[in-house]
Amino acid sequence: MDFDFTDDQTSLRDAVARWVEKGFPFERRHALAKAGGATRAVYTELAELGLTGLAIAPAHGGMGFGAVEAMVVCEELGRGLVNAPYAQAALMAPLLLSAATPAVQTKWLPMIAAGSALVVLAHQERAARYRLNHVETRAALARGSWTLDGSKSVVPAGDEADAWVVPARISGALGDAAGIGLFLVERTAAGATVHGFPTQDGARAAQLDLKASPATLLVNEGLPLLEHAIDAGIAALCAEGVGAMDRLLAITVEYMNTRKQFGVPIASFQALRHRVADVKMQLELARSMSYFGSLKMAEPAAARRRALAQAKLQLGQSMRFVGQQCIQMHGGIGVTDEYIASHYFKRLTVMEMTFGDTLHQLGEVSSRMLDTAGVFA
């Protein structure tokens, strides 16, 4: 199998890398984080590069690229520690809108492709513990119009978004797989209140409360589509994690070559060189599983869900190990806010908790081993 990137994919990577180097240095990121983590301006710059239309069909103003191109972009954004809700808005939202009526797609997809509209998924609820079928938010139909009642937590860039895609229960009991609809709620909807807050990694999230808020139904039985979108988010997150780990390792090696103890660079110490080798091994394991997850995005649901759970499990283990080891090899400076390595560590820690932490993904992988004794075809 040929794992080389095409010329177009390489050019795409180079274009994103050039923007990161020139347009998003650490000083800018640090200033944004200290100011509360607002990222809409950064997202607009990504739109000017054409990246917000990456996964949208040309008929709606996009480029119609696939999972590998998304992986290439997200890896470079991760390397630059770009704190914009790119995956949520440019990759997951178009996928969620793919089941909407032609009128809804015609209205929203061109705006998403142009970057003039920011649409994010608002699915997390208290006590859900990453279970997508745990939906307490209720949808009600009256005189041909839908309204939603409920709350969603930790919505990425939720207070900057123009609309949210909200899972809500149309029928059934809490925890049922059936009866979960996907709805589009606009920021101007009555009864919708949003409270933003900065996150630990320098980005921004929000609490979304809905009280008889008007909504547009996208799909009646929305859990399979929601799972697909979450898998797309996991694939993007894995790629971002690989980029972040790759850059953090480079920063660490550079520091070890300049920091001296006993008159010699600490990079000459055999114990530290062995630790760097262990970090490199975890990085390459993560890179392999990120490729694996992205390549499985076109598979049927069962194979795709299994592959993305495996990828996120390995990435979770790698991100924790690489982050902790690199910070320890830095010493005290590694945890100071003014130094770039601490920001990579915080971002890797938040990513490990996003879309299901390592323990959750271990359970997901284990549940798919019951009929195979752990041997996957």
Protein backbone atom coordinates (compact mmCIF):
# COMPACT_ATOMS: atom_id res chain seq x y z
CA MET A 1 0.00 0.00 0.00
CA ASP A 2 1.28 3.46 -0.95
CA PHE A 3 1.36 5.79 2.06
CA ASP A 4 3.03 8.67 0.23
CA PHE A 5 1.10 11.92 0.07
CA THR A 6 0.04 13.24 -3.33
CA ASP A 7 1.43 16.48 -4.73
CA ASP A 8 -1.85 18.25 -3.88
CA GLN A 9 -1.75 17.00 -0.30
CA THR A 10 1.87 18.06 0.08
CA SER A 11 1.07 21.51 -1.31
CA LEU A 12 -1.84 21.79 1.10
CA ARG A 13 0.42 20.89 4.03
CA ASP A 14 3.03 23.43 2.93
CA ALA A 15 0.43 26.20 2.61
CA VAL A 16 -0.91 25.62 6.12
CA ALA A 17 2.60 25.36 7.54
CA ARG A 18 3.58 28.70 5.98
CA TRP A 19 0.53 30.40 7.46
CA VAL A 20 1.24 28.92 10.89
CA GLU A 21 4.84 30.09 10.79
CA LYS A 22 4.06 33.64 9.64
CA GLY A 23 0.55 34.28 10.91
CA PHE A 24 0.29 32.39 14.18
CA PRO A 25 3.47 32.62 16.26
CA PHE A 26 3.41 31.63 19.91
CA GLU A 27 3.27 35.28 21.01
CA ARG A 28 -0.06 35.71 19.23
CA ARG A 29 -1.48 32.52 20.69
CA HIS A 30 -0.35 33.45 24.17
CA ALA A 31 -1.97 36.88 23.88
CA LEU A 32 -5.26 35.34 22.69
CA ALA A 33 -5.25 32.87 25.57
CA LYS A 34 -4.61 35.59 28.15
CA ALA A 35 -7.45 37.65 26.63
CA GLY A 36 -9.98 34.85 27.14
CA GLY A 37 -9.40 32.55 24.19
CA ALA A 38 -11.64 34.15 21.54
CA THR A 39 -10.81 32.54 18.20
CA ARG A 40 -13.26 33.88 15.61
CA ALA A 41 -10.61 36.12 14.03
CA VAL A 42 -8.24 33.16 13.66
CA TYR A 43 -11.04 31.09 12.12
CA THR A 44 -11.65 33.88 9.61
CA GLU A 45 -8.01 33.72 8.54
CA LEU A 46 -8.31 29.97 8.02
CA ALA A 47 -11.33 30.71 5.84
CA GLU A 48 -9.27 33.12 3.77
CA LEU A 49 -6.91 30.21 3.07
CA GLY A 50 -9.89 28.22 1.82
CA LEU A 51 -9.64 25.67 4.62
CA THR A 52 -13.21 26.07 5.90
CA GLY A 53 -14.51 24.67 2.61
CA LEU A 54 -12.19 21.66 2.66
CA ALA A 55 -14.89 19.03 3.34
CA ILE A 56 -17.80 20.78 1.59
CA ALA A 57 -18.88 19.77 -1.91
CA PRO A 58 -17.99 22.11 -4.79
CA ALA A 59 -21.72 22.59 -5.44
CA HIS A 60 -21.86 24.51 -2.14
CA GLY A 61 -18.64 26.45 -2.63
CA GLY A 62 -16.23 23.95 -1.08
CA MET A 63 -13.33 21.82 -2.33
CA GLY A 64 -14.80 18.37 -1.71
CA PHE A 65 -11.66 16.89 -0.16
CA GLY A 66 -11.65 13.84 2.08
CA ALA A 67 -10.30 12.53 5.38
CA VAL A 68 -6.63 12.42 4.37
CA GLU A 69 -6.59 16.09 3.39
CA ALA A 70 -8.34 16.94 6.67
CA MET A 71 -5.67 14.96 8.52
CA VAL A 72 -2.90 16.88 6.74
CA VAL A 73 -4.43 20.24 7.69
CA CYS A 74 -5.14 19.29 11.31
CA GLU A 75 -1.63 17.95 11.82
CA GLU A 76 -0.14 21.30 10.80
CA LEU A 77 -2.64 23.22 12.94
CA GLY A 78 -1.66 21.03 15.86
CA ARG A 79 2.02 21.65 15.23
CA GLY A 80 1.32 25.38 15.40
CA LEU A 81 -0.99 25.05 18.40
CA VAL A 82 -3.73 26.95 16.55
CA ASN A 83 -6.62 27.44 18.97
CA ALA A 84 -9.50 27.76 16.50
CA PRO A 85 -12.50 25.37 16.37
CA TYR A 86 -11.49 24.14 12.94
CA ALA A 87 -12.49 20.49 13.17
CA GLN A 88 -15.79 21.22 14.90
CA ALA A 89 -16.86 23.93 12.45
CA ALA A 90 -15.25 23.00 9.13
CA LEU A 91 -15.29 19.18 9.29
CA MET A 92 -17.99 18.03 11.70
CA ALA A 93 -20.68 20.64 10.98
CA PRO A 94 -20.83 19.98 7.21
CA LEU A 95 -21.12 16.26 7.91
CA LEU A 96 -24.00 16.86 10.33
CA LEU A 97 -25.74 19.09 7.80
CA SER A 98 -25.39 16.47 5.07
CA ALA A 99 -28.72 14.90 6.10
CA ALA A 100 -30.61 18.20 6.13
CA THR A 101 -33.06 19.29 3.48
CA PRO A 102 -31.66 20.90 0.29
CA ALA A 103 -32.98 24.27 1.47
CA VAL A 104 -31.06 24.07 4.76
CA GLN A 105 -27.89 22.93 3.01
CA THR A 106 -28.17 25.68 0.42
CA LYS A 107 -28.50 28.26 3.17
CA TRP A 108 -25.75 27.14 5.54
CA LEU A 109 -23.07 25.17 3.64
CA PRO A 110 -21.94 28.06 1.39
CA MET A 111 -21.64 30.30 4.46
CA ILE A 112 -19.61 27.65 6.29
CA ALA A 113 -17.37 27.19 3.24
CA ALA A 114 -16.80 30.95 3.06
CA GLY A 115 -16.15 31.21 6.78
CA SER A 116 -18.95 33.73 7.29
CA ALA A 117 -20.90 31.29 9.49
CA LEU A 118 -19.56 29.35 12.45
CA VAL A 119 -21.65 26.27 13.25
CA VAL A 120 -20.55 23.87 16.01
CA LEU A 121 -21.88 20.70 17.60
CA ALA A 122 -23.40 21.08 21.08
CA HIS A 123 -23.86 17.51 22.32
CA GLN A 124 -22.28 17.11 25.76
CA GLU A 125 -24.57 16.89 28.77
CA ARG A 126 -23.94 16.55 32.47
CA ALA A 127 -23.67 12.93 33.65
CA ALA A 128 -23.37 11.63 30.07
CA ARG A 129 -19.72 10.55 30.47
CA TYR A 130 -19.14 10.54 26.70
CA ARG A 131 -22.23 8.38 26.00
CA LEU A 132 -23.80 9.80 22.87
CA ASN A 133 -27.14 8.13 23.55
CA HIS A 134 -27.45 9.87 26.93
CA VAL A 135 -29.64 12.78 25.80
CA GLU A 136 -31.87 14.59 28.28
CA THR A 137 -32.61 17.60 26.06
CA ARG A 138 -36.18 17.25 24.78
CA ALA A 139 -37.73 18.23 21.46
CA ALA A 140 -41.41 19.07 21.12
CA LEU A 141 -43.48 19.51 17.96
CA ALA A 142 -46.37 21.98 18.03
CA ARG A 143 -48.23 23.31 15.01
CA GLY A 144 -45.50 22.13 12.66
CA SER A 145 -42.62 23.78 14.53
CA TRP A 146 -39.99 22.25 16.79
CA THR A 147 -38.79 23.66 20.09
CA LEU A 148 -36.02 22.40 22.39
CA ASP A 149 -35.62 22.38 26.17
CA GLY A 150 -32.36 21.40 27.84
CA SER A 151 -28.72 22.27 28.41
CA LYS A 152 -25.45 21.46 26.69
CA SER A 153 -22.04 21.77 28.33
CA VAL A 154 -18.54 22.64 27.10
CA VAL A 155 -19.65 23.68 23.62
CA PRO A 156 -16.47 24.58 21.68
CA ALA A 157 -16.47 28.28 20.79
CA GLY A 158 -20.15 28.19 21.73
CA ASP A 159 -20.46 31.88 22.50
CA GLU A 160 -18.85 32.80 19.17
CA ALA A 161 -20.98 30.48 17.03
CA ASP A 162 -23.78 31.59 14.72
CA ALA A 163 -25.67 28.32 15.18
CA TRP A 164 -25.42 25.02 17.02
CA VAL A 165 -26.26 21.47 15.99
CA VAL A 166 -28.09 20.03 19.00
CA PRO A 167 -29.06 16.40 19.63
CA ALA A 168 -32.44 16.22 21.38
CA ARG A 169 -34.73 13.37 22.30
CA ILE A 170 -37.89 13.17 20.23
CA SER A 171 -39.06 9.90 21.81
CA GLY A 172 -37.91 7.07 24.04
CA ALA A 173 -36.25 6.89 27.42
CA LEU A 174 -32.90 8.28 28.55
CA GLY A 175 -30.17 6.08 27.08
CA ASP A 176 -32.19 4.70 24.17
CA ALA A 177 -30.37 4.67 20.85
CA ALA A 178 -33.56 5.40 18.96
CA GLY A 179 -35.54 8.61 19.14
CA ILE A 180 -32.62 11.07 19.06
CA GLY A 181 -33.04 13.86 16.52
CA LEU A 182 -30.48 16.39 15.35
CA PHE A 183 -31.58 20.03 15.25
CA LEU A 184 -30.10 23.31 14.11
CA VAL A 185 -30.56 26.15 16.60
CA GLU A 186 -29.59 29.65 15.51
CA ARG A 187 -27.89 32.04 17.89
CA THR A 188 -30.81 34.47 17.61
CA ALA A 189 -33.39 31.84 18.64
CA ALA A 190 -35.68 32.85 21.48
CA GLY A 191 -34.93 31.15 24.77
CA ALA A 192 -31.33 30.31 23.82
CA THR A 193 -28.78 31.65 26.30
CA VAL A 194 -25.07 31.03 26.12
CA HIS A 195 -22.37 31.66 28.75
CA GLY A 196 -18.80 31.56 27.48
CA PHE A 197 -15.64 30.79 29.44
CA PRO A 198 -11.95 30.17 28.68
CA THR A 199 -10.70 26.60 28.71
CA GLN A 200 -7.53 25.25 30.26
CA ASP A 201 -5.76 25.03 26.90
CA GLY A 202 -6.28 28.67 25.98
CA ALA A 203 -9.33 28.20 23.77
CA ARG A 204 -12.97 28.96 24.54
CA ALA A 205 -16.14 27.00 25.31
CA ALA A 206 -19.65 27.76 26.53
CA GLN A 207 -22.69 26.51 28.40
CA LEU A 208 -25.79 26.49 26.19
CA ASP A 209 -29.25 26.60 27.78
CA LEU A 210 -32.40 26.19 25.71
CA LYS A 211 -35.91 27.00 26.90
CA ALA A 212 -38.63 26.44 24.32
CA SER A 213 -36.10 27.51 21.68
CA PRO A 214 -37.17 27.24 18.03
CA ALA A 215 -35.14 24.70 16.07
CA THR A 216 -34.90 23.21 12.60
CA LEU A 217 -35.00 19.42 12.36
CA LEU A 218 -32.05 17.98 10.41
CA VAL A 219 -32.72 14.27 10.84
CA ASN A 220 -35.17 12.21 12.94
CA GLU A 221 -32.93 9.27 13.85
CA GLY A 222 -29.69 11.12 14.29
CA LEU A 223 -27.49 8.88 16.45
CA PRO A 224 -25.69 7.15 13.53
CA LEU A 225 -24.92 10.53 11.95
CA LEU A 226 -23.82 11.91 15.32
CA GLU A 227 -21.45 8.96 15.76
CA HIS A 228 -20.07 9.58 12.28
CA ALA A 229 -19.42 13.23 13.09
CA ILE A 230 -17.74 12.34 16.39
CA ASP A 231 -15.51 9.89 14.52
CA ALA A 232 -14.56 12.70 12.11
CA GLY A 233 -13.73 14.82 15.15
CA ILE A 234 -11.63 12.03 16.65
CA ALA A 235 -9.70 11.58 13.39
CA ALA A 236 -9.00 15.33 13.27
CA LEU A 237 -8.04 15.38 16.94
CA CYS A 238 -5.63 12.48 16.45
CA ALA A 239 -3.93 14.32 13.59
CA GLU A 240 -3.76 17.51 15.66
CA GLY A 241 -2.25 15.54 18.53
CA VAL A 242 0.44 14.09 16.27
CA GLY A 243 1.38 17.57 15.09
CA ALA A 244 1.48 18.92 18.64
CA MET A 245 3.59 16.03 19.93
CA ASP A 246 5.96 16.30 16.99
CA ARG A 247 6.56 19.99 17.69
CA LEU A 248 6.83 19.53 21.46
CA LEU A 249 9.48 16.85 20.97
CA ALA A 250 11.45 19.17 18.67
CA ILE A 251 11.23 21.97 21.26
CA THR A 252 12.43 19.57 23.96
CA VAL A 253 15.40 18.31 21.96
CA GLU A 254 16.38 21.89 21.11
CA TYR A 255 16.23 22.80 24.81
CA MET A 256 18.33 19.76 25.77
CA ASN A 257 20.99 20.77 23.27
CA THR A 258 21.30 24.26 24.80
CA ARG A 259 20.71 23.60 28.53
CA LYS A 260 23.95 22.72 30.26
CA GLN A 261 24.72 20.92 33.50
CA PHE A 262 28.23 20.07 34.75
CA GLY A 263 29.52 22.05 31.77
CA VAL A 264 27.91 19.88 29.05
CA PRO A 265 24.52 19.90 27.27
CA ILE A 266 22.01 17.67 29.01
CA ALA A 267 21.35 16.06 25.62
CA SER A 268 24.60 14.17 26.16
CA PHE A 269 23.20 12.34 29.22
CA GLN A 270 22.44 8.74 28.29
CA ALA A 271 19.40 8.47 30.57
CA LEU A 272 17.75 11.46 28.90
CA ARG A 273 18.60 10.16 25.44
CA HIS A 274 16.81 6.92 26.29
CA ARG A 275 13.76 8.89 27.42
CA VAL A 276 13.76 10.81 24.15
CA ALA A 277 13.83 7.48 22.30
CA ASP A 278 10.78 6.33 24.28
CA VAL A 279 8.98 9.58 23.45
CA LYS A 280 9.81 9.16 19.77
CA MET A 281 8.43 5.63 19.82
CA GLN A 282 5.14 6.81 21.33
CA LEU A 283 4.95 9.60 18.73
CA GLU A 284 5.37 7.14 15.85
CA LEU A 285 2.77 4.79 17.33
CA ALA A 286 0.40 7.73 17.51
CA ARG A 287 1.19 8.78 13.94
CA SER A 288 0.50 5.27 12.64
CA MET A 289 -2.84 5.08 14.43
CA SER A 290 -3.80 8.56 13.25
CA TYR A 291 -3.22 7.44 9.65
CA PHE A 292 -5.16 4.25 10.36
CA GLY A 293 -8.12 6.15 11.78
CA SER A 294 -8.28 8.63 8.91
CA LEU A 295 -8.08 5.87 6.30
CA LYS A 296 -10.96 4.03 8.01
CA MET A 297 -13.32 7.02 7.84
CA ALA A 298 -14.84 5.68 4.60
CA GLU A 299 -15.51 2.22 6.07
CA PRO A 300 -18.94 0.95 7.21
CA ALA A 301 -20.03 2.19 10.62
CA ALA A 302 -18.96 -0.84 12.67
CA ALA A 303 -15.43 -0.96 11.25
CA ARG A 304 -15.10 2.83 11.39
CA ARG A 305 -16.20 3.12 15.02
CA ARG A 306 -13.85 0.32 16.07
CA ALA A 307 -10.89 1.86 14.24
CA LEU A 308 -11.45 5.35 15.64
CA ALA A 309 -11.78 4.00 19.17
CA GLN A 310 -8.46 2.19 18.72
CA ALA A 311 -6.84 5.32 17.32
CA LYS A 312 -8.09 7.55 20.14
CA LEU A 313 -6.98 4.99 22.74
CA GLN A 314 -3.43 4.98 21.40
CA LEU A 315 -3.39 8.75 20.97
CA GLY A 316 -4.61 9.23 24.53
CA GLN A 317 -1.80 7.07 25.88
CA SER A 318 0.78 8.73 23.65
CA MET A 319 -0.32 12.29 24.38
CA ARG A 320 -0.13 11.76 28.12
CA PHE A 321 3.25 10.04 27.94
CA VAL A 322 4.85 12.50 25.49
CA GLY A 323 3.48 15.53 27.32
CA GLN A 324 4.64 14.40 30.75
CA GLN A 325 8.07 13.21 29.63
CA CYS A 326 8.85 16.36 27.65
CA ILE A 327 7.85 18.60 30.54
CA GLN A 328 9.96 16.56 32.98
CA MET A 329 12.98 16.79 30.69
CA HIS A 330 12.57 20.56 30.67
CA GLY A 331 12.46 20.84 34.44
CA GLY A 332 10.82 23.83 36.13
CA ILE A 333 10.76 26.05 33.05
CA GLY A 334 8.47 23.54 31.36
CA VAL A 335 5.49 24.53 33.51
CA THR A 336 5.84 28.31 33.28
CA ASP A 337 3.12 30.14 31.38
CA GLU A 338 5.59 32.25 29.43
CA TYR A 339 7.26 29.18 27.92
CA ILE A 340 5.75 27.48 24.89
CA ALA A 341 6.16 23.87 26.09
CA SER A 342 3.63 24.33 28.91
CA HIS A 343 0.96 25.31 26.36
CA TYR A 344 1.57 22.16 24.31
CA PHE A 345 1.27 20.12 27.49
CA LYS A 346 -2.05 21.73 28.41
CA ARG A 347 -3.41 21.27 24.90
CA LEU A 348 -2.39 17.59 24.83
CA THR A 349 -4.05 17.07 28.22
CA VAL A 350 -7.32 18.61 27.03
CA MET A 351 -7.23 16.60 23.80
CA GLU A 352 -6.83 13.40 25.78
CA MET A 353 -10.14 14.21 27.50
CA THR A 354 -12.01 15.22 24.33
CA PHE A 355 -14.46 12.88 22.53
CA GLY A 356 -13.90 10.22 25.16
CA ASP A 357 -10.86 9.92 27.42
CA THR A 358 -8.46 6.98 27.35
CA LEU A 359 -10.42 4.92 29.87
CA HIS A 360 -13.64 5.42 27.90
CA GLN A 361 -11.96 4.43 24.63
CA LEU A 362 -10.48 1.35 26.29
CA GLY A 363 -14.03 0.31 27.14
CA GLU A 364 -15.12 1.03 23.55
CA VAL A 365 -12.33 -1.13 22.15
CA SER A 366 -12.98 -3.89 24.69
CA SER A 367 -16.69 -4.01 23.89
CA ARG A 368 -15.81 -4.73 20.25
CA MET A 369 -13.55 -7.65 21.18
CA LEU A 370 -16.25 -9.87 22.71
CA ASP A 371 -16.86 -11.93 19.57
CA THR A 372 -13.25 -12.09 18.38
CA ALA A 373 -11.25 -12.81 21.53
CA GLY A 374 -9.27 -9.70 20.80
CA VAL A 375 -8.26 -10.71 17.27
CA PHE A 376 -9.46 -8.22 14.67
CA ALA A 377 -9.87 -9.27 11.08
